[in-house]
Amino acid sequence: MTVVLELKAEVEEALRKKALANGFDIDVYLQRLIERDVERAKTLDEILAPARKSFAESGMTEEELNEIIDRERQAFRDEKNNQRS
């Protein structure tokens, strides 16, 4: 894919300097910047979006979810304590 960018002269010069400082020509430097941005780690909101959507569609209340979490947390603690005995 070919992309044409119109940059201010000072931006182009700054990019050229950064590219050279990193051992690349400007085309390779820009390509790496773009790839790094596209491949960046997802944000917590992006990761949680499917779970939030599923929860909203479930019709479950927050109180019901809290009860399940509390019950499972207690079961985990009980199991852990039984393993120590």
PDB file of N, CA and C in Angstrom:
ATOM      1  N   MET A   1       0.850  -1.175   0.000  1.00  0.00           N
ATOM      2  CA  MET A   1       0.000   0.000   0.000  1.00  0.00           C
ATOM      3  C   MET A   1       0.891   1.232   0.000  1.00  0.00           C
ATOM      4  N   THR A   2       0.529   2.170  -0.801  1.00  0.00           N
ATOM      5  CA  THR A   2       1.277   3.416  -0.872  1.00  0.00           C
ATOM      6  C   THR A   2       0.437   4.530  -0.274  1.00  0.00           C
ATOM      7  N   VAL A   3       1.066   5.333   0.576  1.00  0.00           N
ATOM      8  CA  VAL A   3       0.393   6.455   1.217  1.00  0.00           C
ATOM      9  C   VAL A   3       1.219   7.706   0.963  1.00  0.00           C
ATOM     10  N   VAL A   4       0.537   8.791   0.646  1.00  0.00           N
ATOM     11  CA  VAL A   4       1.217  10.064   0.444  1.00  0.00           C
ATOM     12  C   VAL A   4       0.815  10.989   1.580  1.00  0.00           C
ATOM     13  N   LEU A   5       1.819  11.548   2.256  1.00  0.00           N
ATOM     14  CA  LEU A   5       1.570  12.460   3.360  1.00  0.00           C
ATOM     15  C   LEU A   5       2.115  13.842   3.034  1.00  0.00           C
ATOM     16  N   GLU A   6       1.356  14.840   3.403  1.00  0.00           N
ATOM     17  CA  GLU A   6       1.832  16.219   3.295  1.00  0.00           C
ATOM     18  C   GLU A   6       2.208  16.665   4.703  1.00  0.00           C
ATOM     19  N   LEU A   7       3.481  16.834   4.942  1.00  0.00           N
ATOM     20  CA  LEU A   7       3.966  17.224   6.264  1.00  0.00           C
ATOM     21  C   LEU A   7       4.572  18.620   6.220  1.00  0.00           C
ATOM     22  N   LYS A   8       4.483  19.302   7.335  1.00  0.00           N
ATOM     23  CA  LYS A   8       5.169  20.582   7.459  1.00  0.00           C
ATOM     24  C   LYS A   8       6.662  20.318   7.366  1.00  0.00           C
ATOM     25  N   ALA A   9       7.392  21.262   6.848  1.00  0.00           N
ATOM     26  CA  ALA A   9       8.828  21.100   6.652  1.00  0.00           C
ATOM     27  C   ALA A   9       9.545  20.756   7.952  1.00  0.00           C
ATOM     28  N   GLU A  10       9.151  21.400   9.045  1.00  0.00           N
ATOM     29  CA  GLU A  10       9.815  21.141  10.324  1.00  0.00           C
ATOM     30  C   GLU A  10       9.504  19.735  10.850  1.00  0.00           C
ATOM     31  N   VAL A  11       8.295  19.229  10.574  1.00  0.00           N
ATOM     32  CA  VAL A  11       7.942  17.870  10.979  1.00  0.00           C
ATOM     33  C   VAL A  11       8.747  16.860  10.159  1.00  0.00           C
ATOM     34  N   GLU A  12       8.836  17.105   8.870  1.00  0.00           N
ATOM     35  CA  GLU A  12       9.622  16.215   8.014  1.00  0.00           C
ATOM     36  C   GLU A  12      11.083  16.177   8.463  1.00  0.00           C
ATOM     37  N   GLU A  13      11.634  17.327   8.766  1.00  0.00           N
ATOM     38  CA  GLU A  13      13.023  17.380   9.200  1.00  0.00           C
ATOM     39  C   GLU A  13      13.215  16.642  10.520  1.00  0.00           C
ATOM     40  N   ALA A  14      12.287  16.823  11.453  1.00  0.00           N
ATOM     41  CA  ALA A  14      12.377  16.124  12.735  1.00  0.00           C
ATOM     42  C   ALA A  14      12.282  14.615  12.530  1.00  0.00           C
ATOM     43  N   LEU A  15      11.400  14.173  11.643  1.00  0.00           N
ATOM     44  CA  LEU A  15      11.282  12.748  11.342  1.00  0.00           C
ATOM     45  C   LEU A  15      12.560  12.208  10.713  1.00  0.00           C
ATOM     46  N   ARG A  16      13.104  12.976   9.793  1.00  0.00           N
ATOM     47  CA  ARG A  16      14.331  12.564   9.116  1.00  0.00           C
ATOM     48  C   ARG A  16      15.469  12.400  10.138  1.00  0.00           C
ATOM     49  N   LYS A  17      15.573  13.345  11.078  1.00  0.00           N
ATOM     50  CA  LYS A  17      16.617  13.267  12.102  1.00  0.00           C
ATOM     51  C   LYS A  17      16.419  12.055  13.008  1.00  0.00           C
ATOM     52  N   LYS A  18      15.164  11.812  13.416  1.00  0.00           N
ATOM     53  CA  LYS A  18      14.891  10.663  14.270  1.00  0.00           C
ATOM     54  C   LYS A  18      15.172   9.360  13.530  1.00  0.00           C
ATOM     55  N   ALA A  19      14.801   9.321  12.269  1.00  0.00           N
ATOM     56  CA  ALA A  19      15.051   8.118  11.470  1.00  0.00           C
ATOM     57  C   ALA A  19      16.543   7.843  11.382  1.00  0.00           C
ATOM     58  N   LEU A  20      17.312   8.869  11.066  1.00  0.00           N
ATOM     59  CA  LEU A  20      18.765   8.700  10.964  1.00  0.00           C
ATOM     60  C   LEU A  20      19.382   8.309  12.304  1.00  0.00           C
ATOM     61  N   ALA A  21      18.886   8.913  13.366  1.00  0.00           N
ATOM     62  CA  ALA A  21      19.408   8.591  14.699  1.00  0.00           C
ATOM     63  C   ALA A  21      19.136   7.134  15.068  1.00  0.00           C
ATOM     64  N   ASN A  22      18.090   6.567  14.487  1.00  0.00           N
ATOM     65  CA  ASN A  22      17.745   5.177  14.750  1.00  0.00           C
ATOM     66  C   ASN A  22      18.263   4.226  13.673  1.00  0.00           C
ATOM     67  N   GLY A  23      19.007   4.778  12.716  1.00  0.00           N
ATOM     68  CA  GLY A  23      19.630   3.960  11.690  1.00  0.00           C
ATOM     69  C   GLY A  23      18.739   3.570  10.528  1.00  0.00           C
ATOM     70  N   PHE A  24      17.690   4.341  10.276  1.00  0.00           N
ATOM     71  CA  PHE A  24      16.760   4.035   9.195  1.00  0.00           C
ATOM     72  C   PHE A  24      16.617   5.216   8.254  1.00  0.00           C
ATOM     73  N   ASP A  25      16.176   4.913   7.022  1.00  0.00           N
ATOM     74  CA  ASP A  25      15.749   6.036   6.192  1.00  0.00           C
ATOM     75  C   ASP A  25      14.316   6.362   6.611  1.00  0.00           C
ATOM     76  N   ILE A  26      13.819   7.493   6.196  1.00  0.00           N
ATOM     77  CA  ILE A  26      12.535   7.987   6.707  1.00  0.00           C
ATOM     78  C   ILE A  26      11.381   7.051   6.365  1.00  0.00           C
ATOM     79  N   ASP A  27      11.404   6.409   5.194  1.00  0.00           N
ATOM     80  CA  ASP A  27      10.316   5.502   4.810  1.00  0.00           C
ATOM     81  C   ASP A  27      10.228   4.309   5.766  1.00  0.00           C
ATOM     82  N   VAL A  28      11.363   3.709   6.050  1.00  0.00           N
ATOM     83  CA  VAL A  28      11.386   2.555   6.953  1.00  0.00           C
ATOM     84  C   VAL A  28      10.991   2.989   8.357  1.00  0.00           C
ATOM     85  N   TYR A  29      11.485   4.133   8.793  1.00  0.00           N
ATOM     86  CA  TYR A  29      11.164   4.643  10.126  1.00  0.00           C
ATOM     87  C   TYR A  29       9.657   4.851  10.272  1.00  0.00           C
ATOM     88  N   LEU A  30       9.040   5.497   9.287  1.00  0.00           N
ATOM     89  CA  LEU A  30       7.591   5.725   9.339  1.00  0.00           C
ATOM     90  C   LEU A  30       6.824   4.407   9.321  1.00  0.00           C
ATOM     91  N   GLN A  31       7.260   3.470   8.500  1.00  0.00           N
ATOM     92  CA  GLN A  31       6.601   2.173   8.446  1.00  0.00           C
ATOM     93  C   GLN A  31       6.655   1.490   9.808  1.00  0.00           C
ATOM     94  N   ARG A  32       7.807   1.530  10.455  1.00  0.00           N
ATOM     95  CA  ARG A  32       7.937   0.913  11.780  1.00  0.00           C
ATOM     96  C   ARG A  32       7.075   1.609  12.823  1.00  0.00           C
ATOM     97  N   LEU A  33       6.998   2.934  12.758  1.00  0.00           N
ATOM     98  CA  LEU A  33       6.138   3.666  13.693  1.00  0.00           C
ATOM     99  C   LEU A  33       4.684   3.244  13.534  1.00  0.00           C
ATOM    100  N   ILE A  34       4.241   3.156  12.299  1.00  0.00           N
ATOM    101  CA  ILE A  34       2.852   2.780  12.025  1.00  0.00           C
ATOM    102  C   ILE A  34       2.589   1.351  12.472  1.00  0.00           C
ATOM    103  N   GLU A  35       3.482   0.434  12.141  1.00  0.00           N
ATOM    104  CA  GLU A  35       3.307  -0.959  12.540  1.00  0.00           C
ATOM    105  C   GLU A  35       3.268  -1.107  14.055  1.00  0.00           C
ATOM    106  N   ARG A  36       4.133  -0.386  14.739  1.00  0.00           N
ATOM    107  CA  ARG A  36       4.165  -0.453  16.205  1.00  0.00           C
ATOM    108  C   ARG A  36       2.847   0.052  16.791  1.00  0.00           C
ATOM    109  N   ASP A  37       2.299   1.111  16.210  1.00  0.00           N
ATOM    110  CA  ASP A  37       1.040   1.647  16.696  1.00  0.00           C
ATOM    111  C   ASP A  37      -0.105   0.666  16.453  1.00  0.00           C
ATOM    112  N   VAL A  38      -0.143   0.069  15.280  1.00  0.00           N
ATOM    113  CA  VAL A  38      -1.209  -0.864  14.933  1.00  0.00           C
ATOM    114  C   VAL A  38      -1.123  -2.125  15.787  1.00  0.00           C
ATOM    115  N   GLU A  39       0.082  -2.589  16.071  1.00  0.00           N
ATOM    116  CA  GLU A  39       0.283  -3.833  16.800  1.00  0.00           C
ATOM    117  C   GLU A  39       0.367  -3.636  18.313  1.00  0.00           C
ATOM    118  N   ARG A  40       0.159  -2.436  18.776  1.00  0.00           N
ATOM    119  CA  ARG A  40       0.282  -2.143  20.198  1.00  0.00           C
ATOM    120  C   ARG A  40      -0.658  -3.011  21.021  1.00  0.00           C
ATOM    121  N   ALA A  41      -0.334  -3.162  22.263  1.00  0.00           N
ATOM    122  CA  ALA A  41      -1.170  -3.943  23.168  1.00  0.00           C
ATOM    123  C   ALA A  41      -2.521  -3.269  23.322  1.00  0.00           C
ATOM    124  N   LYS A  42      -3.540  -4.083  23.477  1.00  0.00           N
ATOM    125  CA  LYS A  42      -4.881  -3.543  23.660  1.00  0.00           C
ATOM    126  C   LYS A  42      -5.000  -2.858  25.019  1.00  0.00           C
ATOM    127  N   THR A  43      -5.883  -1.864  25.076  1.00  0.00           N
ATOM    128  CA  THR A  43      -6.160  -1.204  26.348  1.00  0.00           C
ATOM    129  C   THR A  43      -7.060  -2.110  27.185  1.00  0.00           C
ATOM    130  N   LEU A  44      -7.154  -1.834  28.467  1.00  0.00           N
ATOM    131  CA  LEU A  44      -8.015  -2.609  29.342  1.00  0.00           C
ATOM    132  C   LEU A  44      -9.464  -2.514  28.874  1.00  0.00           C
ATOM    133  N   ASP A  45      -9.894  -1.341  28.432  1.00  0.00           N
ATOM    134  CA  ASP A  45     -11.263  -1.189  27.921  1.00  0.00           C
ATOM    135  C   ASP A  45     -11.501  -2.086  26.710  1.00  0.00           C
ATOM    136  N   GLU A  46     -10.520  -2.184  25.812  1.00  0.00           N
ATOM    137  CA  GLU A  46     -10.658  -3.039  24.631  1.00  0.00           C
ATOM    138  C   GLU A  46     -10.727  -4.515  25.025  1.00  0.00           C
ATOM    139  N   ILE A  47      -9.943  -4.903  26.018  1.00  0.00           N
ATOM    140  CA  ILE A  47      -9.931  -6.287  26.471  1.00  0.00           C
ATOM    141  C   ILE A  47     -11.252  -6.656  27.146  1.00  0.00           C
ATOM    142  N   LEU A  48     -11.770  -5.730  27.958  1.00  0.00           N
ATOM    143  CA  LEU A  48     -12.984  -6.012  28.727  1.00  0.00           C
ATOM    144  C   LEU A  48     -14.279  -5.816  27.949  1.00  0.00           C
ATOM    145  N   ALA A  49     -14.230  -5.179  26.796  1.00  0.00           N
ATOM    146  CA  ALA A  49     -15.444  -4.869  26.030  1.00  0.00           C
ATOM    147  C   ALA A  49     -16.334  -6.091  25.796  1.00  0.00           C
ATOM    148  N   PRO A  50     -15.805  -7.231  25.353  1.00  0.00           N
ATOM    149  CA  PRO A  50     -16.693  -8.390  25.142  1.00  0.00           C
ATOM    150  C   PRO A  50     -17.362  -8.877  26.429  1.00  0.00           C
ATOM    151  N   ALA A  51     -16.618  -8.878  27.545  1.00  0.00           N
ATOM    152  CA  ALA A  51     -17.194  -9.317  28.818  1.00  0.00           C
ATOM    153  C   ALA A  51     -18.273  -8.338  29.279  1.00  0.00           C
ATOM    154  N   ARG A  52     -18.030  -7.059  29.112  1.00  0.00           N
ATOM    155  CA  ARG A  52     -19.032  -6.060  29.498  1.00  0.00           C
ATOM    156  C   ARG A  52     -20.292  -6.202  28.663  1.00  0.00           C
ATOM    157  N   LYS A  53     -20.116  -6.447  27.374  1.00  0.00           N
ATOM    158  CA  LYS A  53     -21.268  -6.616  26.475  1.00  0.00           C
ATOM    159  C   LYS A  53     -22.062  -7.853  26.880  1.00  0.00           C
ATOM    160  N   SER A  54     -21.358  -8.941  27.135  1.00  0.00           N
ATOM    161  CA  SER A  54     -22.013 -10.182  27.535  1.00  0.00           C
ATOM    162  C   SER A  54     -22.780  -9.991  28.848  1.00  0.00           C
ATOM    163  N   PHE A  55     -22.170  -9.304  29.795  1.00  0.00           N
ATOM    164  CA  PHE A  55     -22.828  -9.048  31.079  1.00  0.00           C
ATOM    165  C   PHE A  55     -24.090  -8.210  30.865  1.00  0.00           C
ATOM    166  N   ALA A  56     -23.994  -7.165  30.052  1.00  0.00           N
ATOM    167  CA  ALA A  56     -25.150  -6.304  29.797  1.00  0.00           C
ATOM    168  C   ALA A  56     -26.283  -7.093  29.145  1.00  0.00           C
ATOM    169  N   GLU A  57     -25.923  -8.001  28.246  1.00  0.00           N
ATOM    170  CA  GLU A  57     -26.937  -8.794  27.546  1.00  0.00           C
ATOM    171  C   GLU A  57     -27.520  -9.896  28.415  1.00  0.00           C
ATOM    172  N   SER A  58     -26.827 -10.271  29.496  1.00  0.00           N
ATOM    173  CA  SER A  58     -27.280 -11.372  30.349  1.00  0.00           C
ATOM    174  C   SER A  58     -28.502 -11.013  31.187  1.00  0.00           C
ATOM    175  N   GLY A  59     -28.669  -9.735  31.456  1.00  0.00           N
ATOM    176  CA  GLY A  59     -29.775  -9.311  32.302  1.00  0.00           C
ATOM    177  C   GLY A  59     -29.462  -9.438  33.793  1.00  0.00           C
ATOM    178  N   MET A  60     -28.289  -9.928  34.122  1.00  0.00           N
ATOM    179  CA  MET A  60     -27.886 -10.084  35.517  1.00  0.00           C
ATOM    180  C   MET A  60     -27.630  -8.707  36.127  1.00  0.00           C
ATOM    181  N   THR A  61     -27.990  -8.558  37.387  1.00  0.00           N
ATOM    182  CA  THR A  61     -27.720  -7.295  38.072  1.00  0.00           C
ATOM    183  C   THR A  61     -26.309  -7.325  38.647  1.00  0.00           C
ATOM    184  N   GLU A  62     -25.806  -6.160  38.987  1.00  0.00           N
ATOM    185  CA  GLU A  62     -24.489  -6.094  39.624  1.00  0.00           C
ATOM    186  C   GLU A  62     -24.504  -6.788  40.975  1.00  0.00           C
ATOM    187  N   GLU A  63     -25.631  -6.687  41.687  1.00  0.00           N
ATOM    188  CA  GLU A  63     -25.741  -7.346  42.985  1.00  0.00           C
ATOM    189  C   GLU A  63     -25.641  -8.866  42.826  1.00  0.00           C
ATOM    190  N   GLU A  64     -26.292  -9.420  41.798  1.00  0.00           N
ATOM    191  CA  GLU A  64     -26.222 -10.862  41.556  1.00  0.00           C
ATOM    192  C   GLU A  64     -24.790 -11.282  41.217  1.00  0.00           C
ATOM    193  N   LEU A  65     -24.136 -10.491  40.404  1.00  0.00           N
ATOM    194  CA  LEU A  65     -22.745 -10.784  40.052  1.00  0.00           C
ATOM    195  C   LEU A  65     -21.859 -10.725  41.289  1.00  0.00           C
ATOM    196  N   ASN A  66     -22.066  -9.710  42.120  1.00  0.00           N
ATOM    197  CA  ASN A  66     -21.272  -9.594  43.353  1.00  0.00           C
ATOM    198  C   ASN A  66     -21.485 -10.800  44.262  1.00  0.00           C
ATOM    199  N   GLU A  67     -22.719 -11.303  44.338  1.00  0.00           N
ATOM    200  CA  GLU A  67     -22.997 -12.482  45.156  1.00  0.00           C
ATOM    201  C   GLU A  67     -22.246 -13.696  44.637  1.00  0.00           C
ATOM    202  N   ILE A  68     -22.231 -13.882  43.326  1.00  0.00           N
ATOM    203  CA  ILE A  68     -21.509 -15.007  42.723  1.00  0.00           C
ATOM    204  C   ILE A  68     -20.016 -14.892  43.016  1.00  0.00           C
ATOM    205  N   ILE A  69     -19.482 -13.699  42.828  1.00  0.00           N
ATOM    206  CA  ILE A  69     -18.053 -13.482  43.068  1.00  0.00           C
ATOM    207  C   ILE A  69     -17.711 -13.731  44.531  1.00  0.00           C
ATOM    208  N   ASP A  70     -18.530 -13.197  45.440  1.00  0.00           N
ATOM    209  CA  ASP A  70     -18.279 -13.403  46.873  1.00  0.00           C
ATOM    210  C   ASP A  70     -18.340 -14.880  47.231  1.00  0.00           C
ATOM    211  N   ARG A  71     -19.331 -15.609  46.697  1.00  0.00           N
ATOM    212  CA  ARG A  71     -19.479 -17.029  46.981  1.00  0.00           C
ATOM    213  C   ARG A  71     -18.262 -17.817  46.476  1.00  0.00           C
ATOM    214  N   GLU A  72     -17.812 -17.504  45.254  1.00  0.00           N
ATOM    215  CA  GLU A  72     -16.666 -18.204  44.683  1.00  0.00           C
ATOM    216  C   GLU A  72     -15.366 -17.846  45.406  1.00  0.00           C
ATOM    217  N   ARG A  73     -15.250 -16.601  45.822  1.00  0.00           N
ATOM    218  CA  ARG A  73     -14.065 -16.179  46.570  1.00  0.00           C
ATOM    219  C   ARG A  73     -13.988 -16.939  47.893  1.00  0.00           C
ATOM    220  N   GLN A  74     -15.135 -17.074  48.564  1.00  0.00           N
ATOM    221  CA  GLN A  74     -15.170 -17.798  49.831  1.00  0.00           C
ATOM    222  C   GLN A  74     -14.862 -19.271  49.625  1.00  0.00           C
ATOM    223  N   ALA A  75     -15.376 -19.856  48.552  1.00  0.00           N
ATOM    224  CA  ALA A  75     -15.102 -21.268  48.257  1.00  0.00           C
ATOM    225  C   ALA A  75     -13.612 -21.472  47.998  1.00  0.00           C
ATOM    226  N   PHE A  76     -12.999 -20.537  47.311  1.00  0.00           N
ATOM    227  CA  PHE A  76     -11.562 -20.611  47.051  1.00  0.00           C
ATOM    228  C   PHE A  76     -10.780 -20.543  48.352  1.00  0.00           C
ATOM    229  N   ARG A  77     -11.161 -19.615  49.224  1.00  0.00           N
ATOM    230  CA  ARG A  77     -10.474 -19.478  50.515  1.00  0.00           C
ATOM    231  C   ARG A  77     -10.636 -20.747  51.357  1.00  0.00           C
ATOM    232  N   ASP A  78     -11.868 -21.285  51.357  1.00  0.00           N
ATOM    233  CA  ASP A  78     -12.115 -22.509  52.124  1.00  0.00           C
ATOM    234  C   ASP A  78     -11.253 -23.649  51.609  1.00  0.00           C
ATOM    235  N   GLU A  79     -11.189 -23.796  50.299  1.00  0.00           N
ATOM    236  CA  GLU A  79     -10.380 -24.857  49.700  1.00  0.00           C
ATOM    237  C   GLU A  79      -8.904 -24.677  50.040  1.00  0.00           C
ATOM    238  N   LYS A  80      -8.448 -23.441  49.972  1.00  0.00           N
ATOM    239  CA  LYS A  80      -7.038 -23.147  50.285  1.00  0.00           C
ATOM    240  C   LYS A  80      -6.748 -23.481  51.749  1.00  0.00           C
ATOM    241  N   ASN A  81      -7.660 -23.112  52.632  1.00  0.00           N
ATOM    242  CA  ASN A  81      -7.465 -23.389  54.065  1.00  0.00           C
ATOM    243  C   ASN A  81      -7.498 -24.893  54.347  1.00  0.00           C
ATOM    244  N   ASN A  82      -8.336 -25.630  53.631  1.00  0.00           N
ATOM    245  CA  ASN A  82      -8.423 -27.087  53.822  1.00  0.00           C
ATOM    246  C   ASN A  82      -7.147 -27.772  53.354  1.00  0.00           C
ATOM    247  N   GLN A  83      -6.488 -27.218  52.355  1.00  0.00           N
ATOM    248  CA  GLN A  83      -5.250 -27.800  51.855  1.00  0.00           C
ATOM    249  C   GLN A  83      -4.114 -27.607  52.860  1.00  0.00           C
ATOM    250  N   ARG A  84      -4.180 -26.553  53.652  1.00  0.00           N
ATOM    251  CA  ARG A  84      -3.138 -26.280  54.647  1.00  0.00           C
ATOM    252  C   ARG A  84      -3.262 -27.206  55.853  1.00  0.00           C
ATOM    253  N   SER A  85      -4.484 -27.644  56.132  1.00  0.00           N
ATOM    254  CA  SER A  85      -4.725 -28.456  57.337  1.00  0.00           C
ATOM    255  C   SER A  85      -4.209 -29.858  57.197  1.00  0.00           C
TER     256      SER A  85
END
